[in-house]
Amino acid sequence: MDKKSDVSRRDFIRGAAKGAAGVAAATSAARTAQASAYKSILPHTCIGANEMIRTGHIGTGIMGRGNLRFVLERDDMLPIAVCDIYAKHKMQAASMAGAKNEQVTAHHHYEEVIENKDVDAVVISTSDHWHALPAIQACDAGKAVYCEKPMTTTIEEARHVLDAAKRNNTIFQGGTLQRSGNVLQEGVQLIREGYLGDVFRVETWYHDDSLPPGLGTPPDEDPPEGCDWELHQGWVERVPFNKNRWLYSFRFFFDYAGGRLTDWGVHLVDIAMWALGEDKKPKSVATQGGKYVIRDNRTVPDTFDALWEFDGYTISFSHRACNAYPEAKGSSHGMVFHGWKATMVMSRAGYQVFPQERKKKSGETVAVCEAKEARQTEDLYRAHWANFAESIRQGTQPVSHAEALFNSTVTCHMATCAHIAGDKLAWDPAAERFVGDSEAAKKANAWAYRPYQNGYKLI
């Protein structure tokens, strides 16, 4: 596309965006949360080699503005719409985007971003319980989608998001950005090629150094000015506003998230599953833990261990609060792959391979393979966004495609369900349900498929 036609398109977009915003505002009373209302309203976007990728940003808190910042850095992407239910964050994002595009539009309702036919890619950086509906609707509207991890807050939601991405052939990038690290990719490839031998145990962990008071126990109060608390709660049970239940700390309440398991655990379990075979599903899950040391009003555990059994190996995730002593090689997060030939320690910093030593008949001790080490120097976030942009132009799936995010999300939600049910549970990957008629299985399935409330519908 030449400069003249690009300018013409930009002028058209500016006018259309303003018109769309006005129409959407006028019809807000007729708005519905049903995803099918947006099915196939727009054709798939076609992006030429020299065309700008226009982005619409839903959720502009800390992570949302971080994602917006990476878009603003790129010469081939332009934010044209931002949306948040908290006016302060919405205007901060509009100001950021306005430095590159003075015609950016700011919205309260995410549907207006999806309805804007000039938006090529929708970026979803809301709290976890607001991932599913925008993702489904954006897929059905023919947009490319960048969705933060985890994919959803329930297993049922995740299935519907994956189905929407598949039926629309959506270019879908999950926020599991570690997959874009070239050194981490190298480590995964070594595992796949058998450098460690058969891997039979993977440990993953994330620990933090919070203090026992935690977030504190603030009283319920009126929401701050500019916060649409009712809309923020959406489909979950309505409760009074409490400052611990929103912004960053939403992740410590089961209504909206799953604690460190769905915060960091999805990142780590994702790499483990990527290395050992994404077509392989857990057979069972067991958990231990509780709220032992933190005294605030969070509902997720502060001490937690999950163990998933696969055919031929196990994967675990461990988290503790108030003590971030490094498990391995100085990192408060990471993964350890144990094979019969060697052990690999991996984190965002890179990887190290520690060979097993074996004794020969002569009594000589030798290493089964060579030690290896590689440091990750590439910026993971920028690499992840580059991968997304390239995928949009080429019409190929990104490295953290929808099925990959679905697998790691569902695996972690299985552990949340087991924790809530209080028992070890067998899993049927075909039915995507826990096996049996025990009270624990019923309780776990009820949590995995808990219904939408307050008039919202998932499909």
Protein backbone atom coordinates (compact mmCIF):
# COMPACT_ATOMS: atom_id res chain seq x y z
CA MET A 1 0.00 0.00 0.00
CA ASP A 2 1.39 3.45 -0.93
CA LYS A 3 1.44 6.44 1.39
CA LYS A 4 -1.50 8.14 -0.29
CA SER A 5 -3.83 5.16 0.12
CA ASP A 6 -2.64 4.66 3.69
CA VAL A 7 -3.54 8.25 4.53
CA SER A 8 -6.94 7.79 2.91
CA ARG A 9 -7.58 4.70 4.97
CA ARG A 10 -6.51 6.52 8.13
CA ASP A 11 -8.91 9.38 7.44
CA PHE A 12 -11.69 6.89 6.84
CA ILE A 13 -10.91 5.07 10.09
CA ARG A 14 -10.97 8.29 12.10
CA GLY A 15 -14.39 9.22 10.79
CA ALA A 16 -15.79 5.73 11.12
CA ALA A 17 -14.48 5.30 14.64
CA LYS A 18 -16.21 8.47 15.80
CA GLY A 19 -19.43 7.41 14.11
CA ALA A 20 -19.27 3.93 15.56
CA ALA A 21 -18.70 5.29 19.06
CA GLY A 22 -21.75 7.53 18.76
CA VAL A 23 -24.01 4.79 17.48
CA ALA A 24 -22.78 2.39 20.15
CA ALA A 25 -23.44 4.91 22.90
CA ALA A 26 -26.97 5.51 21.61
CA THR A 27 -27.76 1.82 21.65
CA SER A 28 -26.10 0.89 24.94
CA ALA A 29 -29.46 0.18 26.59
CA ALA A 30 -29.99 -2.69 24.17
CA ARG A 31 -26.59 -4.22 24.89
CA THR A 32 -26.41 -7.93 25.74
CA ALA A 33 -23.61 -10.05 27.18
CA GLN A 34 -24.45 -12.96 24.92
CA ALA A 35 -21.43 -13.79 22.74
CA SER A 36 -23.52 -15.12 19.86
CA ALA A 37 -24.93 -11.62 19.32
CA TYR A 38 -21.63 -10.68 17.70
CA LYS A 39 -21.14 -13.82 15.65
CA SER A 40 -20.03 -13.09 12.11
CA ILE A 41 -20.92 -9.40 12.14
CA LEU A 42 -17.66 -8.52 10.40
CA PRO A 43 -15.40 -10.25 7.87
CA HIS A 44 -11.84 -11.28 8.66
CA THR A 45 -9.36 -8.44 8.33
CA CYS A 46 -6.76 -8.64 5.61
CA ILE A 47 -3.47 -6.93 6.45
CA GLY A 48 -1.05 -6.04 3.66
CA ALA A 49 2.72 -6.16 4.06
CA ASN A 50 2.98 -2.37 4.45
CA GLU A 51 -0.30 -1.72 6.22
CA MET A 52 -0.55 -0.66 9.83
CA ILE A 53 -2.15 -3.17 12.21
CA ARG A 54 -4.85 -1.23 14.10
CA THR A 55 -5.34 -2.36 17.69
CA GLY A 56 -8.17 -2.02 20.20
CA HIS A 57 -7.29 -2.44 23.88
CA ILE A 58 -9.78 -3.85 26.39
CA GLY A 59 -8.51 -3.44 29.96
CA THR A 60 -5.88 -0.76 30.56
CA GLY A 61 -4.59 -1.46 34.06
CA ILE A 62 -0.95 -2.28 34.77
CA MET A 63 -0.78 -5.18 32.31
CA GLY A 64 -3.02 -3.46 29.79
CA ARG A 65 -0.89 -0.33 29.66
CA GLY A 66 2.20 -2.54 29.47
CA ASN A 67 0.80 -4.24 26.38
CA LEU A 68 -0.17 -0.87 24.95
CA ARG A 69 3.40 0.32 25.47
CA PHE A 70 4.77 -2.54 23.36
CA VAL A 71 2.28 -1.73 20.62
CA LEU A 72 3.32 1.92 20.68
CA GLU A 73 6.97 0.93 20.26
CA ARG A 74 6.26 -0.87 17.01
CA ASP A 75 6.28 0.93 13.66
CA ASP A 76 3.73 -1.49 12.20
CA MET A 77 1.02 -1.22 14.89
CA LEU A 78 -1.29 1.67 15.82
CA PRO A 79 -3.75 1.77 18.75
CA ILE A 80 -7.04 3.31 17.65
CA ALA A 81 -9.29 2.43 20.62
CA VAL A 82 -8.89 1.88 24.36
CA CYS A 83 -11.45 0.68 26.90
CA ASP A 84 -11.69 0.35 30.67
CA ILE A 85 -14.44 0.47 33.31
CA TYR A 86 -12.18 2.63 35.51
CA ALA A 87 -12.06 6.16 34.09
CA LYS A 88 -8.58 6.88 35.48
CA HIS A 89 -7.00 3.95 33.65
CA LYS A 90 -8.98 4.60 30.50
CA MET A 91 -7.73 8.17 30.28
CA GLN A 92 -4.16 7.17 31.10
CA ALA A 93 -4.26 4.74 28.19
CA ALA A 94 -5.88 7.30 25.90
CA SER A 95 -3.11 9.76 26.76
CA MET A 96 -0.43 7.16 26.03
CA ALA A 97 -1.99 6.17 22.72
CA GLY A 98 -2.70 9.78 21.83
CA ALA A 99 1.02 10.50 21.64
CA LYS A 100 1.09 8.32 18.51
CA ASN A 101 -2.51 8.65 17.32
CA GLU A 102 -4.36 11.80 18.37
CA GLN A 103 -7.62 10.36 17.04
CA VAL A 104 -7.67 7.38 19.43
CA THR A 105 -11.12 6.77 20.92
CA ALA A 106 -11.80 5.91 24.58
CA HIS A 107 -14.64 3.59 25.61
CA HIS A 108 -16.44 2.34 28.69
CA HIS A 109 -18.03 -0.72 27.04
CA TYR A 110 -15.72 -3.25 25.42
CA GLU A 111 -18.33 -4.11 22.79
CA GLU A 112 -17.67 -0.75 21.12
CA VAL A 113 -14.06 -1.76 20.50
CA ILE A 114 -15.10 -5.04 18.91
CA GLU A 115 -17.81 -3.35 16.84
CA ASN A 116 -15.26 -0.94 15.33
CA LYS A 117 -14.57 -2.51 11.93
CA ASP A 118 -11.26 -0.64 11.67
CA VAL A 119 -9.82 -2.57 14.61
CA ASP A 120 -7.71 -5.41 13.24
CA ALA A 121 -6.55 -6.91 16.54
CA VAL A 122 -8.20 -6.89 19.96
CA VAL A 123 -5.93 -6.91 23.04
CA ILE A 124 -7.61 -8.31 26.18
CA SER A 125 -5.86 -7.39 29.44
CA THR A 126 -8.79 -7.36 31.87
CA SER A 127 -9.09 -9.28 35.13
CA ASP A 128 -9.33 -13.00 34.39
CA HIS A 129 -13.11 -13.32 34.76
CA TRP A 130 -13.56 -10.85 31.90
CA HIS A 131 -11.40 -12.70 29.35
CA ALA A 132 -13.96 -15.09 27.92
CA LEU A 133 -16.76 -12.87 26.59
CA PRO A 134 -14.54 -10.33 24.79
CA ALA A 135 -12.37 -13.13 23.39
CA ILE A 136 -15.34 -15.07 22.01
CA GLN A 137 -16.93 -11.95 20.55
CA ALA A 138 -13.66 -10.73 19.02
CA CYS A 139 -13.10 -14.13 17.37
CA ASP A 140 -16.62 -14.10 15.96
CA ALA A 141 -16.13 -10.54 14.71
CA GLY A 142 -13.11 -11.63 12.64
CA LYS A 143 -10.45 -9.90 14.73
CA ALA A 144 -7.02 -11.18 15.62
CA VAL A 145 -6.84 -11.65 19.40
CA TYR A 146 -4.13 -11.13 22.00
CA CYS A 147 -5.47 -12.49 25.30
CA GLU A 148 -3.64 -12.42 28.59
CA LYS A 149 -3.23 -15.63 30.55
CA PRO A 150 -5.01 -17.55 31.85
CA MET A 151 -7.46 -17.91 29.00
CA THR A 152 -10.45 -17.86 31.39
CA THR A 153 -11.59 -18.46 34.98
CA THR A 154 -13.51 -21.69 34.30
CA ILE A 155 -12.93 -24.79 32.23
CA GLU A 156 -16.26 -24.31 30.46
CA GLU A 157 -15.30 -20.78 29.42
CA ALA A 158 -11.98 -22.03 28.05
CA ARG A 159 -13.73 -24.61 25.86
CA HIS A 160 -15.99 -21.93 24.37
CA VAL A 161 -13.07 -19.56 23.70
CA LEU A 162 -11.11 -22.32 21.96
CA ASP A 163 -14.15 -23.29 19.88
CA ALA A 164 -14.63 -19.66 18.82
CA ALA A 165 -10.98 -19.35 17.82
CA LYS A 166 -11.14 -22.58 15.82
CA ARG A 167 -14.38 -21.92 13.98
CA ASN A 168 -13.13 -18.49 12.91
CA ASN A 169 -9.51 -19.51 12.24
CA THR A 170 -8.57 -16.64 14.56
CA ILE A 171 -4.96 -15.48 14.79
CA PHE A 172 -4.84 -15.93 18.56
CA GLN A 173 -1.87 -15.12 20.78
CA GLY A 174 -1.97 -16.00 24.47
CA GLY A 175 -0.01 -13.99 27.01
CA THR A 176 2.29 -16.95 27.81
CA LEU A 177 5.25 -14.97 26.53
CA GLN A 178 7.99 -17.35 27.65
CA ARG A 179 7.36 -19.29 24.44
CA SER A 180 8.88 -16.41 22.48
CA GLY A 181 12.25 -16.60 24.23
CA ASN A 182 14.77 -18.03 21.76
CA VAL A 183 16.86 -19.59 24.53
CA LEU A 184 13.80 -21.15 26.17
CA GLN A 185 12.82 -22.49 22.75
CA GLU A 186 16.30 -23.99 22.49
CA GLY A 187 15.90 -25.66 25.88
CA VAL A 188 12.50 -27.09 24.92
CA GLN A 189 13.97 -28.46 21.71
CA LEU A 190 16.76 -30.22 23.63
CA ILE A 191 14.15 -31.90 25.82
CA ARG A 192 12.11 -32.96 22.80
CA GLU A 193 15.20 -34.41 21.13
CA GLY A 194 15.92 -36.56 24.18
CA TYR A 195 19.02 -34.77 25.44
CA LEU A 196 17.92 -35.39 29.03
CA GLY A 197 16.71 -38.91 28.28
CA ASP A 198 13.11 -39.74 29.09
CA VAL A 199 11.78 -36.99 31.36
CA PHE A 200 9.72 -38.50 34.17
CA ARG A 201 9.38 -35.56 36.59
CA VAL A 202 8.96 -31.81 36.14
CA GLU A 203 8.87 -29.42 39.09
CA THR A 204 7.63 -25.85 38.68
CA TRP A 205 7.39 -23.17 41.35
CA TYR A 206 6.81 -19.55 42.19
CA HIS A 207 7.45 -18.11 45.66
CA ASP A 208 7.09 -14.56 46.94
CA ASP A 209 8.29 -12.57 49.93
CA SER A 210 5.06 -11.01 51.15
CA LEU A 211 4.50 -10.44 54.89
CA PRO A 212 1.80 -12.02 57.09
CA PRO A 213 -0.50 -8.94 57.02
CA GLY A 214 -0.62 -9.39 53.24
CA LEU A 215 -3.08 -7.01 51.63
CA GLY A 216 -4.60 -6.09 54.97
CA THR A 217 -8.29 -6.30 55.81
CA PRO A 218 -9.81 -3.04 54.61
CA PRO A 219 -13.54 -2.55 55.16
CA ASP A 220 -16.05 -2.63 52.34
CA GLU A 221 -16.70 0.88 51.03
CA ASP A 222 -18.05 2.85 48.12
CA PRO A 223 -16.04 2.35 44.92
CA PRO A 224 -13.70 5.18 43.96
CA GLU A 225 -14.88 7.86 41.58
CA GLY A 226 -14.90 6.63 38.01
CA CYS A 227 -15.07 2.91 38.89
CA ASP A 228 -18.04 0.97 37.49
CA TRP A 229 -17.99 -1.72 40.18
CA GLU A 230 -21.22 -3.36 39.03
CA LEU A 231 -19.94 -3.81 35.49
CA HIS A 232 -16.56 -4.94 36.75
CA GLN A 233 -18.15 -7.80 38.69
CA GLY A 234 -20.01 -8.91 35.60
CA TRP A 235 -21.21 -12.51 35.77
CA VAL A 236 -19.86 -13.43 39.23
CA GLU A 237 -21.65 -13.06 42.56
CA ARG A 238 -22.26 -9.43 43.45
CA VAL A 239 -20.48 -8.22 46.59
CA PRO A 240 -19.78 -4.77 48.05
CA PHE A 241 -16.70 -2.96 46.79
CA ASN A 242 -13.49 -3.82 48.60
CA LYS A 243 -10.21 -2.40 47.36
CA ASN A 244 -8.50 -5.78 47.68
CA ARG A 245 -10.89 -7.26 45.13
CA TRP A 246 -9.83 -5.22 42.14
CA LEU A 247 -6.84 -3.84 40.25
CA TYR A 248 -3.79 -6.09 40.72
CA SER A 249 -5.05 -7.96 43.79
CA PHE A 250 -8.14 -9.39 42.05
CA ARG A 251 -6.00 -12.48 41.42
CA PHE A 252 -6.18 -13.43 45.11
CA PHE A 253 -9.94 -14.08 44.99
CA PHE A 254 -11.46 -17.22 43.50
CA ASP A 255 -14.38 -15.23 42.05
CA TYR A 256 -12.07 -13.57 39.55
CA ALA A 257 -8.90 -15.69 39.33
CA GLY A 258 -6.92 -18.55 40.90
CA GLY A 259 -4.05 -17.07 42.88
CA ARG A 260 -0.44 -17.73 41.92
CA LEU A 261 -1.49 -20.97 40.24
CA THR A 262 -3.24 -19.14 37.39
CA ASP A 263 -0.93 -16.13 37.62
CA TRP A 264 2.55 -17.71 37.41
CA GLY A 265 1.62 -21.38 37.27
CA VAL A 266 0.11 -21.09 33.78
CA HIS A 267 3.41 -19.66 32.47
CA LEU A 268 5.46 -22.50 33.95
CA VAL A 269 3.14 -25.45 33.34
CA ASP A 270 2.77 -24.18 29.77
CA ILE A 271 6.48 -24.66 29.07
CA ALA A 272 6.48 -28.10 30.69
CA MET A 273 3.56 -29.24 28.55
CA TRP A 274 5.11 -27.69 25.45
CA ALA A 275 8.33 -29.61 26.00
CA LEU A 276 6.74 -32.98 26.78
CA GLY A 277 3.93 -32.98 24.21
CA GLU A 278 0.95 -30.65 23.90
CA ASP A 279 -1.26 -33.52 22.77
CA LYS A 280 -0.80 -35.19 26.18
CA LYS A 281 -3.40 -34.51 28.86
CA PRO A 282 -3.33 -35.09 32.63
CA LYS A 283 -4.93 -38.26 33.99
CA SER A 284 -5.37 -37.02 37.55
CA VAL A 285 -4.66 -34.12 39.86
CA ALA A 286 -4.06 -33.81 43.60
CA THR A 287 -3.40 -30.74 45.74
CA GLN A 288 -2.41 -29.79 49.26
CA GLY A 289 -2.35 -26.42 50.95
CA GLY A 290 -4.35 -23.67 52.51
CA LYS A 291 -4.26 -20.23 54.02
CA TYR A 292 -1.71 -20.77 56.78
CA VAL A 293 0.20 -17.51 57.27
CA ILE A 294 -1.42 -14.60 55.41
CA ARG A 295 -4.04 -12.78 57.51
CA ASP A 296 -5.76 -10.65 54.87
CA ASN A 297 -9.16 -11.26 53.22
CA ARG A 298 -7.93 -13.21 50.17
CA THR A 299 -9.73 -16.45 49.41
CA VAL A 300 -6.91 -18.32 47.63
CA PRO A 301 -4.29 -20.33 49.57
CA ASP A 302 -0.94 -18.82 50.52
CA THR A 303 0.73 -22.24 50.58
CA PHE A 304 -0.09 -24.60 47.75
CA ASP A 305 1.17 -27.71 45.95
CA ALA A 306 -0.41 -29.35 42.91
CA LEU A 307 0.60 -32.62 41.27
CA TRP A 308 -0.66 -33.75 37.86
CA GLU A 309 -0.15 -37.31 36.64
CA PHE A 310 0.39 -37.93 32.92
CA ASP A 311 1.25 -41.16 31.13
CA GLY A 312 4.91 -41.70 32.04
CA TYR A 313 5.61 -38.55 34.06
CA THR A 314 4.32 -36.06 36.61
CA ILE A 315 4.30 -32.24 36.67
CA SER A 316 4.03 -30.26 39.89
CA PHE A 317 3.54 -26.63 40.86
CA SER A 318 4.47 -25.19 44.24
CA HIS A 319 3.81 -21.80 45.76
CA ARG A 320 4.46 -20.29 49.16
CA ALA A 321 4.01 -16.73 50.39
CA CYS A 322 6.24 -14.93 52.90
CA ASN A 323 9.38 -16.83 51.91
CA ALA A 324 11.02 -16.43 48.50
CA TYR A 325 14.14 -18.51 49.20
CA PRO A 326 15.29 -19.63 45.74
CA GLU A 327 14.65 -23.26 44.90
CA ALA A 328 17.35 -23.57 42.25
CA LYS A 329 20.06 -21.34 40.83
CA GLY A 330 18.95 -18.17 42.54
CA SER A 331 15.44 -17.80 41.12
CA SER A 332 12.13 -17.49 42.95
CA HIS A 333 10.42 -19.04 39.90
CA GLY A 334 11.32 -21.74 37.45
CA MET A 335 11.13 -25.30 36.18
CA VAL A 336 13.28 -28.40 36.69
CA PHE A 337 13.09 -31.23 34.15
CA HIS A 338 14.44 -34.53 35.48
CA GLY A 339 15.51 -37.12 32.90
CA TRP A 340 17.59 -40.26 33.33
CA LYS A 341 20.51 -38.67 31.49
CA ALA A 342 20.42 -35.16 32.96
CA THR A 343 18.47 -32.47 34.75
CA MET A 344 17.61 -29.11 33.17
CA VAL A 345 16.88 -26.05 35.29
CA MET A 346 14.99 -23.40 33.31
CA SER A 347 13.60 -19.94 34.03
CA ARG A 348 13.20 -16.67 32.18
CA ALA A 349 16.92 -16.17 32.71
CA GLY A 350 17.76 -19.19 30.51
CA TYR A 351 18.64 -22.81 31.20
CA GLN A 352 21.37 -25.08 32.58
CA VAL A 353 21.85 -28.79 31.97
CA PHE A 354 23.40 -30.89 34.78
CA PRO A 355 24.41 -34.35 33.51
CA GLN A 356 23.97 -37.45 35.63
CA GLU A 357 27.18 -39.22 36.49
CA ARG A 358 27.35 -42.98 35.94
CA LYS A 359 30.01 -45.48 36.92
CA LYS A 360 31.52 -47.75 34.28
CA LYS A 361 32.45 -51.33 35.10
CA SER A 362 36.02 -50.13 35.42
CA GLY A 363 34.92 -47.88 38.27
CA GLU A 364 35.44 -44.70 36.25
CA THR A 365 32.74 -42.05 36.79
CA VAL A 366 31.56 -40.34 33.61
CA ALA A 367 28.79 -37.96 32.64
CA VAL A 368 26.07 -39.36 30.38
CA CYS A 369 25.94 -36.15 28.35
CA GLU A 370 27.64 -32.76 28.29
CA ALA A 371 26.73 -29.87 30.55
CA LYS A 372 25.06 -26.95 28.79
CA GLU A 373 24.12 -23.42 29.72
CA ALA A 374 22.47 -20.56 27.84
CA ARG A 375 21.36 -17.14 29.04
CA GLN A 376 18.19 -15.47 27.76
CA THR A 377 19.10 -11.96 26.62
CA GLU A 378 16.21 -11.23 24.26
CA ASP A 379 13.30 -9.24 25.71
CA LEU A 380 10.46 -11.75 26.00
CA TYR A 381 7.65 -9.21 25.77
CA ARG A 382 8.93 -7.53 22.62
CA ALA A 383 9.65 -10.89 21.01
CA HIS A 384 6.12 -12.05 21.82
CA TRP A 385 4.56 -8.98 20.23
CA ALA A 386 6.81 -9.35 17.17
CA ASN A 387 5.59 -12.93 16.84
CA PHE A 388 1.95 -11.78 17.03
CA ALA A 389 2.42 -9.07 14.40
CA GLU A 390 4.24 -11.43 12.05
CA SER A 391 1.49 -14.03 12.47
CA ILE A 392 -1.21 -11.50 11.56
CA ARG A 393 0.63 -10.58 8.36
CA GLN A 394 1.39 -14.14 7.36
CA GLY A 395 -1.95 -15.61 8.40
CA THR A 396 -0.27 -18.22 10.60
CA GLN A 397 -0.84 -19.16 14.22
CA PRO A 398 1.44 -17.50 16.83
CA VAL A 399 3.67 -19.45 19.18
CA SER A 400 1.14 -19.20 22.05
CA HIS A 401 -1.83 -20.21 19.91
CA ALA A 402 -5.32 -20.73 21.33
CA GLU A 403 -4.99 -24.47 21.90
CA ALA A 404 -1.71 -24.01 23.78
CA LEU A 405 -3.26 -21.43 26.11
CA PHE A 406 -6.32 -23.65 26.51
CA ASN A 407 -4.19 -26.62 27.59
CA SER A 408 -2.17 -24.77 30.24
CA THR A 409 -5.25 -22.90 31.50
CA VAL A 410 -7.40 -26.01 31.86
CA THR A 411 -4.57 -27.94 33.53
CA CYS A 412 -4.18 -25.22 36.17
CA HIS A 413 -7.94 -24.91 36.66
CA MET A 414 -8.06 -28.66 37.29
CA ALA A 415 -5.86 -28.06 40.34
CA THR A 416 -8.08 -25.22 41.56
CA CYS A 417 -11.08 -27.52 41.28
CA ALA A 418 -9.27 -30.28 43.19
CA HIS A 419 -8.35 -27.81 45.93
CA ILE A 420 -11.95 -26.65 46.26
CA ALA A 421 -13.20 -30.26 46.22
CA GLY A 422 -10.57 -31.35 48.73
CA ASP A 423 -9.59 -34.62 47.11
CA LYS A 424 -7.44 -36.27 44.43
CA LEU A 425 -9.45 -36.52 41.23
CA ALA A 426 -9.27 -38.49 37.98
CA TRP A 427 -9.75 -36.52 34.77
CA ASP A 428 -11.48 -37.48 31.53
CA PRO A 429 -9.80 -35.33 28.85
CA ALA A 430 -12.35 -36.25 26.18
CA ALA A 431 -15.34 -35.19 28.28
CA GLU A 432 -13.31 -32.42 29.99
CA ARG A 433 -14.81 -33.42 33.31
CA PHE A 434 -13.73 -35.10 36.52
CA VAL A 435 -14.54 -38.80 36.72
CA GLY A 436 -17.05 -40.43 39.05
CA ASP A 437 -20.08 -39.67 41.19
CA SER A 438 -18.25 -38.87 44.41
CA GLU A 439 -19.11 -35.68 46.23
CA ALA A 440 -15.61 -34.39 45.48
CA ALA A 441 -15.99 -35.02 41.72
CA LYS A 442 -19.41 -33.35 41.73
CA LYS A 443 -18.05 -30.35 43.62
CA ALA A 444 -15.07 -30.03 41.27
CA ASN A 445 -17.22 -30.26 38.14
CA ALA A 446 -19.63 -27.70 39.56
CA TRP A 447 -16.75 -25.27 40.02
CA ALA A 448 -15.34 -26.02 36.55
CA TYR A 449 -18.74 -25.35 34.99
CA ARG A 450 -20.16 -22.78 37.36
CA PRO A 451 -22.94 -20.76 35.72
CA TYR A 452 -22.99 -17.12 34.75
CA GLN A 453 -25.09 -14.89 37.02
CA ASN A 454 -26.68 -11.42 36.91
CA GLY A 455 -28.27 -11.92 33.48
CA TYR A 456 -25.01 -12.69 31.65
CA LYS A 457 -24.76 -15.63 29.26
CA LEU A 458 -21.65 -17.41 28.06
CA ILE A 459 -23.19 -18.64 24.80
